Amino acid sequence: MLLVIADTSPIRYLAHIGEIDLLHRLFETVSIPTEVAEELRDPSAPCAVQSWMKEPPAWLKVMDVAESLDPALMVLDVGERSAIALGMVLKADLILIDERKGNAVALSKGFETTGTLGILDLAAKRGMIDLRDAVDRLKRTNFRYRQEIIDRLLHALKEQ
């Protein structure tokens, strides 16, 4: 079983589009730092996300992590910083993170990473979802993406 740590963004968007159970189906258990849980409960989060976080499922493990003094993490927001710090403490196999800067730092620390689109792509390849439908729902949120990435994912899936 992979040890998976998540930043706020993938959980937020998967919950927002009704695909949050993909995390359990793909990875069994996902851990998040307390700071990420707080961001997911924040009043600025979509109602679906706040509602889901009121009673998080047993497969979501919320963990405390000490503030890292690693200078590479200081350029990141608190959720990204704490997710990568938790990954370092637990020696995670995978970090779920969308933001480019956070992804770059996680990669520099030796982690495998994927984000919301990667999770949707993996689920589609395993026959769990219709990728085009999930991406259409994601586009109706404030998720930031590059169209060429989505085009490439959809094209590759069609070629399978």
C-alpha atoms as a PDB file:
ATOM      1  CA  MET A   1       0.000   0.000   0.000  1.00  0.00           C
ATOM      2  CA  LEU A   2       1.299   3.447  -0.941  1.00  0.00           C
ATOM      3  CA  LEU A   3       1.743   6.071   1.743  1.00  0.00           C
ATOM      4  CA  VAL A   4      -0.062   9.068   0.245  1.00  0.00           C
ATOM      5  CA  ILE A   5      -0.105  12.647   1.562  1.00  0.00           C
ATOM      6  CA  ALA A   6      -2.429  15.300   0.126  1.00  0.00           C
ATOM      7  CA  ASP A   7      -2.326  19.051  -0.089  1.00  0.00           C
ATOM      8  CA  THR A   8      -5.580  21.004  -0.028  1.00  0.00           C
ATOM      9  CA  SER A   9      -6.217  21.472  -3.743  1.00  0.00           C
ATOM     10  CA  PRO A  10      -6.744  17.869  -4.946  1.00  0.00           C
ATOM     11  CA  ILE A  11      -9.093  17.104  -2.047  1.00  0.00           C
ATOM     12  CA  ARG A  12     -10.939  20.383  -2.512  1.00  0.00           C
ATOM     13  CA  TYR A  13     -11.574  19.886  -6.218  1.00  0.00           C
ATOM     14  CA  LEU A  14     -12.371  16.178  -6.054  1.00  0.00           C
ATOM     15  CA  ALA A  15     -14.915  16.845  -3.289  1.00  0.00           C
ATOM     16  CA  HIS A  16     -16.296  19.815  -5.220  1.00  0.00           C
ATOM     17  CA  ILE A  17     -16.974  17.684  -8.333  1.00  0.00           C
ATOM     18  CA  GLY A  18     -18.281  14.683  -6.395  1.00  0.00           C
ATOM     19  CA  GLU A  19     -15.291  12.413  -7.019  1.00  0.00           C
ATOM     20  CA  ILE A  20     -13.618  12.439  -3.599  1.00  0.00           C
ATOM     21  CA  ASP A  21     -14.099   8.680  -3.123  1.00  0.00           C
ATOM     22  CA  LEU A  22     -11.593   8.132  -5.923  1.00  0.00           C
ATOM     23  CA  LEU A  23      -8.852   8.778  -3.384  1.00  0.00           C
ATOM     24  CA  HIS A  24      -9.985   5.833  -1.279  1.00  0.00           C
ATOM     25  CA  ARG A  25     -10.560   3.639  -4.323  1.00  0.00           C
ATOM     26  CA  LEU A  26      -7.121   4.416  -5.750  1.00  0.00           C
ATOM     27  CA  PHE A  27      -4.985   4.680  -2.612  1.00  0.00           C
ATOM     28  CA  GLU A  28      -7.022   3.158   0.275  1.00  0.00           C
ATOM     29  CA  THR A  29      -5.764   5.708   2.826  1.00  0.00           C
ATOM     30  CA  VAL A  30      -4.709   9.337   2.413  1.00  0.00           C
ATOM     31  CA  SER A  31      -3.072  11.429   5.120  1.00  0.00           C
ATOM     32  CA  ILE A  32      -3.283  15.196   5.440  1.00  0.00           C
ATOM     33  CA  PRO A  33      -1.712  17.576   7.917  1.00  0.00           C
ATOM     34  CA  THR A  34      -3.961  19.467  10.323  1.00  0.00           C
ATOM     35  CA  GLU A  35      -3.271  22.676   8.375  1.00  0.00           C
ATOM     36  CA  VAL A  36      -4.793  21.169   5.227  1.00  0.00           C
ATOM     37  CA  ALA A  37      -7.842  20.013   7.198  1.00  0.00           C
ATOM     38  CA  GLU A  38      -8.268  23.593   8.459  1.00  0.00           C
ATOM     39  CA  GLU A  39      -8.070  24.965   4.905  1.00  0.00           C
ATOM     40  CA  LEU A  40     -10.731  22.462   3.793  1.00  0.00           C
ATOM     41  CA  ARG A  41     -13.019  23.574   6.641  1.00  0.00           C
ATOM     42  CA  ASP A  42     -12.474  27.273   5.955  1.00  0.00           C
ATOM     43  CA  PRO A  43     -15.651  29.271   5.166  1.00  0.00           C
ATOM     44  CA  SER A  44     -14.124  30.223   1.788  1.00  0.00           C
ATOM     45  CA  ALA A  45     -14.112  26.561   0.711  1.00  0.00           C
ATOM     46  CA  PRO A  46     -17.035  25.362  -1.427  1.00  0.00           C
ATOM     47  CA  CYS A  47     -20.018  24.125   0.596  1.00  0.00           C
ATOM     48  CA  ALA A  48     -19.535  20.550  -0.680  1.00  0.00           C
ATOM     49  CA  VAL A  49     -15.983  20.565   0.664  1.00  0.00           C
ATOM     50  CA  GLN A  50     -16.926  22.045   4.054  1.00  0.00           C
ATOM     51  CA  SER A  51     -19.778  19.560   4.370  1.00  0.00           C
ATOM     52  CA  TRP A  52     -17.518  16.615   3.531  1.00  0.00           C
ATOM     53  CA  MET A  53     -14.952  17.758   6.105  1.00  0.00           C
ATOM     54  CA  LYS A  54     -17.560  17.941   8.892  1.00  0.00           C
ATOM     55  CA  GLU A  55     -17.432  14.148   9.047  1.00  0.00           C
ATOM     56  CA  PRO A  56     -14.350  13.013   7.146  1.00  0.00           C
ATOM     57  CA  PRO A  57     -14.241   9.323   6.269  1.00  0.00           C
ATOM     58  CA  ALA A  58     -12.080   6.854   8.174  1.00  0.00           C
ATOM     59  CA  TRP A  59      -9.717   6.524   5.207  1.00  0.00           C
ATOM     60  CA  LEU A  60      -8.653  10.187   5.604  1.00  0.00           C
ATOM     61  CA  LYS A  61      -6.029  10.492   8.325  1.00  0.00           C
ATOM     62  CA  VAL A  62      -5.532  13.986   9.774  1.00  0.00           C
ATOM     63  CA  MET A  63      -2.117  14.305  11.393  1.00  0.00           C
ATOM     64  CA  ASP A  64      -0.163  16.983  13.239  1.00  0.00           C
ATOM     65  CA  VAL A  65       3.255  17.847  11.867  1.00  0.00           C
ATOM     66  CA  ALA A  66       5.885  20.149  13.325  1.00  0.00           C
ATOM     67  CA  GLU A  67       6.724  23.283  11.359  1.00  0.00           C
ATOM     68  CA  SER A  68       9.668  22.548   9.084  1.00  0.00           C
ATOM     69  CA  LEU A  69      12.613  24.916   9.058  1.00  0.00           C
ATOM     70  CA  ASP A  70      13.629  23.718   5.600  1.00  0.00           C
ATOM     71  CA  PRO A  71      14.272  26.901   3.558  1.00  0.00           C
ATOM     72  CA  ALA A  72      12.929  25.280   0.380  1.00  0.00           C
ATOM     73  CA  LEU A  73       9.495  25.009   2.020  1.00  0.00           C
ATOM     74  CA  MET A  74       9.347  28.649   3.137  1.00  0.00           C
ATOM     75  CA  VAL A  75       8.311  29.838  -0.354  1.00  0.00           C
ATOM     76  CA  LEU A  76       5.125  27.733  -0.189  1.00  0.00           C
ATOM     77  CA  ASP A  77       1.760  28.371   1.398  1.00  0.00           C
ATOM     78  CA  VAL A  78       0.987  26.714   4.723  1.00  0.00           C
ATOM     79  CA  GLY A  79      -0.946  23.771   3.228  1.00  0.00           C
ATOM     80  CA  GLU A  80       1.743  22.867   0.711  1.00  0.00           C
ATOM     81  CA  ARG A  81       4.492  23.398   3.266  1.00  0.00           C
ATOM     82  CA  SER A  82       2.832  21.178   5.864  1.00  0.00           C
ATOM     83  CA  ALA A  83       1.918  18.457   3.317  1.00  0.00           C
ATOM     84  CA  ILE A  84       5.520  18.182   2.132  1.00  0.00           C
ATOM     85  CA  ALA A  85       6.805  18.339   5.726  1.00  0.00           C
ATOM     86  CA  LEU A  86       4.444  15.492   6.674  1.00  0.00           C
ATOM     87  CA  GLY A  87       5.646  13.566   3.637  1.00  0.00           C
ATOM     88  CA  MET A  88       9.233  14.020   4.782  1.00  0.00           C
ATOM     89  CA  VAL A  89       8.441  12.842   8.318  1.00  0.00           C
ATOM     90  CA  LEU A  90       6.437   9.807   7.188  1.00  0.00           C
ATOM     91  CA  LYS A  91       8.644   9.039   4.165  1.00  0.00           C
ATOM     92  CA  ALA A  92       5.620   9.184   1.882  1.00  0.00           C
ATOM     93  CA  ASP A  93       5.510   7.444  -1.486  1.00  0.00           C
ATOM     94  CA  LEU A  94       3.306  10.045  -3.174  1.00  0.00           C
ATOM     95  CA  ILE A  95       2.227  13.637  -2.601  1.00  0.00           C
ATOM     96  CA  LEU A  96      -1.007  14.905  -4.138  1.00  0.00           C
ATOM     97  CA  ILE A  97      -0.420  18.544  -5.033  1.00  0.00           C
ATOM     98  CA  ASP A  98      -1.561  20.835  -7.838  1.00  0.00           C
ATOM     99  CA  GLU A  99       0.405  24.044  -7.483  1.00  0.00           C
ATOM    100  CA  ARG A 100       3.482  24.224  -9.716  1.00  0.00           C
ATOM    101  CA  LYS A 101       5.804  25.698  -7.092  1.00  0.00           C
ATOM    102  CA  GLY A 102       4.751  23.130  -4.475  1.00  0.00           C
ATOM    103  CA  ASN A 103       5.058  20.326  -7.003  1.00  0.00           C
ATOM    104  CA  ALA A 104       8.575  21.461  -7.919  1.00  0.00           C
ATOM    105  CA  VAL A 105       9.640  21.526  -4.263  1.00  0.00           C
ATOM    106  CA  ALA A 106       8.112  18.075  -3.616  1.00  0.00           C
ATOM    107  CA  LEU A 107       9.940  16.670  -6.649  1.00  0.00           C
ATOM    108  CA  SER A 108      13.200  18.260  -5.466  1.00  0.00           C
ATOM    109  CA  LYS A 109      12.729  16.429  -2.163  1.00  0.00           C
ATOM    110  CA  GLY A 110      12.509  13.116  -4.029  1.00  0.00           C
ATOM    111  CA  PHE A 111       8.745  12.577  -3.897  1.00  0.00           C
ATOM    112  CA  GLU A 112       6.543  11.212  -6.627  1.00  0.00           C
ATOM    113  CA  THR A 113       3.704  13.668  -7.208  1.00  0.00           C
ATOM    114  CA  THR A 114       0.407  13.931  -8.999  1.00  0.00           C
ATOM    115  CA  GLY A 115      -2.435  16.401  -8.898  1.00  0.00           C
ATOM    116  CA  THR A 116      -6.156  16.537  -9.498  1.00  0.00           C
ATOM    117  CA  LEU A 117      -5.852  15.896 -13.243  1.00  0.00           C
ATOM    118  CA  GLY A 118      -3.440  13.020 -12.655  1.00  0.00           C
ATOM    119  CA  ILE A 119      -5.850  11.430 -10.180  1.00  0.00           C
ATOM    120  CA  LEU A 120      -8.736  11.761 -12.642  1.00  0.00           C
ATOM    121  CA  ASP A 121      -6.568  10.334 -15.423  1.00  0.00           C
ATOM    122  CA  LEU A 122      -5.522   7.338 -13.304  1.00  0.00           C
ATOM    123  CA  ALA A 123      -9.148   6.684 -12.312  1.00  0.00           C
ATOM    124  CA  ALA A 124     -10.237   6.879 -15.958  1.00  0.00           C
ATOM    125  CA  LYS A 125      -7.510   4.447 -17.026  1.00  0.00           C
ATOM    126  CA  ARG A 126      -8.814   2.014 -14.407  1.00  0.00           C
ATOM    127  CA  GLY A 127     -12.379   2.407 -15.680  1.00  0.00           C
ATOM    128  CA  MET A 128     -13.627   4.173 -12.549  1.00  0.00           C
ATOM    129  CA  ILE A 129     -14.829   7.389 -14.207  1.00  0.00           C
ATOM    130  CA  ASP A 130     -15.542   9.021 -17.539  1.00  0.00           C
ATOM    131  CA  LEU A 131     -12.617  11.453 -17.852  1.00  0.00           C
ATOM    132  CA  ARG A 132     -14.385  13.860 -20.213  1.00  0.00           C
ATOM    133  CA  ASP A 133     -17.350  14.172 -17.828  1.00  0.00           C
ATOM    134  CA  ALA A 134     -15.116  14.659 -14.779  1.00  0.00           C
ATOM    135  CA  VAL A 135     -13.022  17.282 -16.578  1.00  0.00           C
ATOM    136  CA  ASP A 136     -16.187  19.102 -17.676  1.00  0.00           C
ATOM    137  CA  ARG A 137     -17.295  19.287 -14.039  1.00  0.00           C
ATOM    138  CA  LEU A 138     -13.823  20.431 -12.978  1.00  0.00           C
ATOM    139  CA  LYS A 139     -13.902  23.220 -15.583  1.00  0.00           C
ATOM    140  CA  ARG A 140     -17.034  24.613 -13.900  1.00  0.00           C
ATOM    141  CA  THR A 141     -15.030  25.270 -10.733  1.00  0.00           C
ATOM    142  CA  ASN A 142     -12.229  27.795 -10.285  1.00  0.00           C
ATOM    143  CA  PHE A 143      -9.600  25.104 -10.956  1.00  0.00           C
ATOM    144  CA  ARG A 144      -6.727  26.549 -12.981  1.00  0.00           C
ATOM    145  CA  TYR A 145      -5.417  24.394 -15.788  1.00  0.00           C
ATOM    146  CA  ARG A 146      -3.665  24.546 -19.109  1.00  0.00           C
ATOM    147  CA  GLN A 147      -5.960  23.421 -21.901  1.00  0.00           C
ATOM    148  CA  GLU A 148      -3.149  21.568 -23.682  1.00  0.00           C
ATOM    149  CA  ILE A 149      -2.746  19.271 -20.657  1.00  0.00           C
ATOM    150  CA  ILE A 150      -6.432  18.379 -20.675  1.00  0.00           C
ATOM    151  CA  ASP A 151      -6.360  17.907 -24.457  1.00  0.00           C
ATOM    152  CA  ARG A 152      -3.362  15.582 -24.121  1.00  0.00           C
ATOM    153  CA  LEU A 153      -5.058  13.506 -21.378  1.00  0.00           C
ATOM    154  CA  LEU A 154      -8.283  13.150 -23.331  1.00  0.00           C
ATOM    155  CA  HIS A 155      -6.419  12.274 -26.536  1.00  0.00           C
ATOM    156  CA  ALA A 156      -4.268   9.651 -24.786  1.00  0.00           C
ATOM    157  CA  LEU A 157      -7.323   8.072 -23.208  1.00  0.00           C
ATOM    158  CA  LYS A 158      -9.068   7.898 -26.554  1.00  0.00           C
ATOM    159  CA  GLU A 159      -6.007   6.180 -28.074  1.00  0.00           C
ATOM    160  CA  GLN A 160      -6.104   3.347 -25.499  1.00  0.00           C
END
